[in-house]
Structures are given as C-alpha cells and as structure tokens.
Amino acid sequence: MAIAKKRKKFFDVEIPLIKKETQSIAYAVEDLQERNIKYDLTRILRGKGAILQAKIKIEKDKAVAHPKQLKIMPFYLKRMVRKGTNYVEDSFSTETKDSQIRIKPFLITRRKVSKAVRKALREKAREELIKYVKTKTTEELFQEILRNILQKTISLKLKKVYPLSLCEIRVLKVEKELEPKKETKKKE
C-alpha cells in the first residue's frame, strides 16, 4: 500500500512594516513559526541598498513577519564616500521601550577633518541616539529609519559640531526582547 506524501506549499507572509506580502514554502502554516526571512528593500528605498531580516510569527492562522534587523549594504556606503572626505562609524547597544538593540551609525563629513572633530561627532551621535531611542518602541524605530526621519533629526543635531554630507544608520539589530515592566505599588 502506497503512503501519501506530504507536499510543500507556498504560504503568504505579511510584512506590516512595509505593507507588503511575500511567500514562504512549508508543509503547513505552523511550520513557518520562528522562521527567518530576508527581504530586499532596494526598490522600496529608491536605490539605497538595504536588507530587512524578519522573524515569522503565526497570529490568528496568518503568518506575520516582525523586523529583527535592518542593514544597509556596503556597496551603497562605498558609493557615498568620496575622495577628500572622512567617515565616522560607531557601534553600541541601548534599550528601547520594549527591547535591547544594537545601533551602528555611519556619518560622512563634507571635507577631511581632524581626529578631534570625528571623535566629537561620534560621541554626540551616540548621546543623541541613546536619548532619542529611549522614548520609542522597536517597531516605531524601524519605521522612522525607513522614512529617513531618524537620520534627518540626528544630522541636524550633529550639524552644530560639523556639517555632514551623509548620516545613515548602517545597522539596526534587535538583540533581545524585554518583558513589559510591571508597575509595583508601594505599601503605605
């Protein structure tokens, strides 16, 4: 007697961050749980080479992808750095309202500048980003980076130190999810 084989099918995966749908292959929708997907955002961002990594979660029998990492590709950054300019990189971990994230800003100056100016830019960028991120959720942060809101805000604040030709968040990665904080009542 022949045993019936299971066949893989394509299932729709919703990505609410960019309001798009993609497909993933599996035997059943439940098999997609906790699966990682990569989505190329180059066309959506008009040529800015970026990749979104997301983790699929099953919500009400639908597969929904939640963002875990947004990364700008090196070819885009190499194209932006010109002769006679300097770039400033940094990497640090900080907390949002609902998670611990790693941010890697990438700044390009208009001309060659001294090490002291680059250090001042790096420190000011870190300080401003940490202050800005504390008030936001992870979802809001991904949304603002895709719309270039965060980069513009930081660029305007760094303009006082030295004017930039480019201010980008090279990598935004969720390191771990934090549990919602429960408010404790004080005994009177």
Protein backbone atom coordinates (compact mmCIF):
# COMPACT_ATOMS: atom_id res chain seq x y z
CA MET A 1 0.00 0.00 0.00
CA ALA A 2 1.41 3.39 -1.00
CA ILE A 3 1.90 6.07 1.61
CA ALA A 4 0.63 9.50 0.66
CA LYS A 5 3.45 12.05 0.52
CA LYS A 6 3.10 15.47 2.05
CA ARG A 7 3.62 18.27 -0.36
CA LYS A 8 5.11 21.67 0.39
CA LYS A 9 3.02 24.71 -0.46
CA PHE A 10 3.56 28.46 -0.62
CA PHE A 11 2.03 30.49 2.19
CA ASP A 12 1.57 34.25 2.25
CA VAL A 13 3.66 36.09 4.83
CA GLU A 14 2.56 39.61 5.71
CA ILE A 15 5.21 42.26 6.46
CA PRO A 16 3.27 45.11 8.15
CA LEU A 17 6.36 47.35 8.46
CA ILE A 18 6.48 47.95 4.69
CA LYS A 19 2.85 46.98 3.95
CA LYS A 20 3.90 44.18 1.60
CA GLU A 21 3.37 40.44 1.33
CA THR A 22 5.83 37.75 0.39
CA GLN A 23 5.64 33.99 0.21
CA SER A 24 7.42 31.23 2.08
CA ILE A 25 7.36 27.50 1.45
CA ALA A 26 6.40 24.89 4.07
CA TYR A 27 4.20 21.85 4.72
CA ALA A 28 1.80 23.84 6.93
CA VAL A 29 1.44 27.41 8.19
CA GLU A 30 2.54 26.29 11.68
CA ASP A 31 5.92 25.19 10.27
CA LEU A 32 6.71 28.85 9.46
CA GLN A 33 6.74 29.77 13.18
CA GLU A 34 10.10 31.33 14.22
CA ARG A 35 11.48 31.10 10.66
CA ASN A 36 13.73 33.95 9.49
CA ILE A 37 13.29 35.67 6.14
CA LYS A 38 15.29 38.31 4.28
CA TYR A 39 13.60 40.98 2.20
CA ASP A 40 15.44 43.31 -0.20
CA LEU A 41 14.30 46.93 0.28
CA THR A 42 16.41 48.45 -2.52
CA ARG A 43 13.46 49.22 -4.81
CA ILE A 44 11.25 50.50 -1.99
CA LEU A 45 14.01 52.87 -0.80
CA ARG A 46 14.81 54.06 -4.36
CA GLY A 47 18.30 52.62 -4.76
CA LYS A 48 19.50 52.68 -1.17
CA GLY A 49 20.71 49.08 -0.87
CA ALA A 50 19.12 47.71 2.29
CA ILE A 51 18.05 44.30 3.55
CA LEU A 52 15.39 43.64 6.17
CA GLN A 53 15.63 40.47 8.25
CA ALA A 54 12.40 39.43 9.92
CA LYS A 55 11.13 36.58 12.08
CA ILE A 56 7.81 34.98 11.22
CA LYS A 57 5.18 34.55 13.93
CA ILE A 58 1.79 32.93 13.50
CA GLU A 59 -1.07 35.22 14.56
CA LYS A 60 -4.67 34.01 14.07
CA ASP A 61 -3.68 31.44 11.41
CA LYS A 62 -1.77 34.11 9.45
CA ALA A 63 2.00 34.37 9.09
CA VAL A 64 3.26 37.83 10.10
CA ALA A 65 6.93 38.89 9.84
CA HIS A 66 8.30 41.14 12.59
CA PRO A 67 11.56 43.03 11.86
CA LYS A 68 14.73 41.88 13.62
CA GLN A 69 17.47 43.64 11.64
CA LEU A 70 17.81 46.39 9.06
CA LYS A 71 21.15 46.55 7.30
CA ILE A 72 22.48 48.88 4.60
CA MET A 73 24.66 47.11 2.07
CA PRO A 74 28.38 48.01 1.79
CA PHE A 75 28.18 48.85 -1.93
CA TYR A 76 25.83 51.76 -1.18
CA LEU A 77 28.13 53.17 1.52
CA LYS A 78 31.24 52.81 -0.66
CA ARG A 79 29.50 54.78 -3.38
CA MET A 80 28.73 57.59 -0.95
CA VAL A 81 32.30 58.04 0.39
CA ARG A 82 34.17 60.43 -1.88
CA LYS A 83 37.80 61.47 -2.10
CA GLY A 84 38.57 64.31 0.31
CA THR A 85 36.02 63.25 2.95
CA ASN A 86 36.14 61.31 6.21
CA TYR A 87 33.70 58.80 7.59
CA VAL A 88 32.82 58.08 11.20
CA GLU A 89 31.48 54.73 12.42
CA ASP A 90 30.29 53.57 15.81
CA SER A 91 28.54 50.59 17.37
CA PHE A 92 26.72 50.50 20.67
CA SER A 93 23.91 48.74 22.46
CA THR A 94 20.97 50.55 24.04
CA GLU A 95 17.39 49.97 25.18
CA THR A 96 14.10 50.99 23.63
CA LYS A 97 10.74 50.73 25.39
CA ASP A 98 10.39 47.05 24.51
CA SER A 99 13.82 45.65 23.55
CA GLN A 100 17.60 45.82 23.65
CA ILE A 101 19.03 46.95 20.29
CA ARG A 102 22.40 47.48 18.63
CA ILE A 103 22.80 50.62 16.53
CA LYS A 104 25.64 51.28 14.10
CA PRO A 105 25.56 54.85 12.79
CA PHE A 106 27.61 55.85 9.73
CA LEU A 107 28.49 59.51 9.16
CA ILE A 108 30.34 61.13 6.25
CA THR A 109 31.82 64.62 6.62
CA ARG A 110 31.93 67.16 3.78
CA ARG A 111 35.71 67.62 3.92
CA LYS A 112 38.67 65.99 5.64
CA VAL A 113 38.53 66.75 9.38
CA SER A 114 40.77 66.22 12.38
CA LYS A 115 40.52 63.24 14.72
CA ALA A 116 39.11 65.50 17.47
CA VAL A 117 36.17 66.52 15.27
CA ARG A 118 35.49 62.90 14.30
CA LYS A 119 35.56 61.89 17.98
CA ALA A 120 33.19 64.75 18.86
CA LEU A 121 30.81 63.65 16.09
CA ARG A 122 30.90 60.02 17.27
CA GLU A 123 30.22 60.94 20.90
CA LYS A 124 27.45 63.44 20.09
CA ALA A 125 25.78 60.92 17.73
CA ARG A 126 25.85 58.23 20.41
CA GLU A 127 24.46 60.58 23.05
CA GLU A 128 21.64 61.84 20.80
CA LEU A 129 20.69 58.36 19.56
CA ILE A 130 20.51 56.89 23.08
CA LYS A 131 18.33 59.80 24.21
CA TYR A 132 16.07 59.51 21.13
CA VAL A 133 15.67 55.72 21.23
CA LYS A 134 14.57 55.51 24.90
CA THR A 135 11.18 57.02 24.08
CA LYS A 136 10.39 54.76 21.09
CA THR A 137 9.34 51.15 20.52
CA THR A 138 11.33 48.93 18.16
CA GLU A 139 8.58 48.98 15.54
CA GLU A 140 8.49 52.80 15.54
CA LEU A 141 12.27 52.91 15.18
CA PHE A 142 12.32 50.65 12.10
CA GLN A 143 9.51 52.77 10.64
CA GLU A 144 11.43 56.04 11.22
CA ILE A 145 14.65 54.70 9.72
CA LEU A 146 12.84 53.57 6.57
CA ARG A 147 11.24 57.03 6.25
CA ASN A 148 14.58 58.78 6.96
CA ILE A 149 13.12 60.67 9.95
CA LEU A 150 15.72 59.49 12.49
CA GLN A 151 18.67 60.22 10.18
CA LYS A 152 17.45 63.76 9.45
CA THR A 153 16.92 64.51 13.16
CA ILE A 154 20.41 63.29 14.12
CA SER A 155 22.01 65.10 11.15
CA LEU A 156 20.50 68.43 12.23
CA LYS A 157 21.83 67.98 15.78
CA LEU A 158 25.31 67.00 14.53
CA LYS A 159 25.41 69.98 12.17
CA LYS A 160 26.40 72.12 15.18
CA VAL A 161 29.58 70.03 15.60
CA TYR A 162 30.40 69.71 11.87
CA PRO A 163 28.14 69.62 8.76
CA LEU A 164 27.67 66.14 7.28
CA SER A 165 27.16 65.03 3.70
CA LEU A 166 25.55 61.74 4.83
CA CYS A 167 24.05 60.47 8.07
CA GLU A 168 22.85 56.86 7.98
CA ILE A 169 22.03 54.06 10.41
CA ARG A 170 24.13 51.28 8.89
CA VAL A 171 22.71 48.52 11.11
CA LEU A 172 19.76 48.37 13.49
CA LYS A 173 19.52 44.98 15.15
CA VAL A 174 17.24 43.67 17.89
CA GLU A 175 19.49 41.83 20.36
CA LYS A 176 16.77 40.69 22.77
CA GLU A 177 13.14 41.36 23.60
CA LEU A 178 12.44 42.80 27.03
CA GLU A 179 9.45 41.81 29.14
CA PRO A 180 6.97 44.60 29.76
CA LYS A 181 7.73 46.25 33.08
CA LYS A 182 5.09 45.73 35.75
CA GLU A 183 4.41 48.70 37.95
CA THR A 184 4.78 47.87 41.63
CA LYS A 185 2.62 49.58 44.19
CA LYS A 186 4.28 50.93 47.29
CA LYS A 187 2.93 49.85 50.67
CA GLU A 188 1.61 52.71 52.73
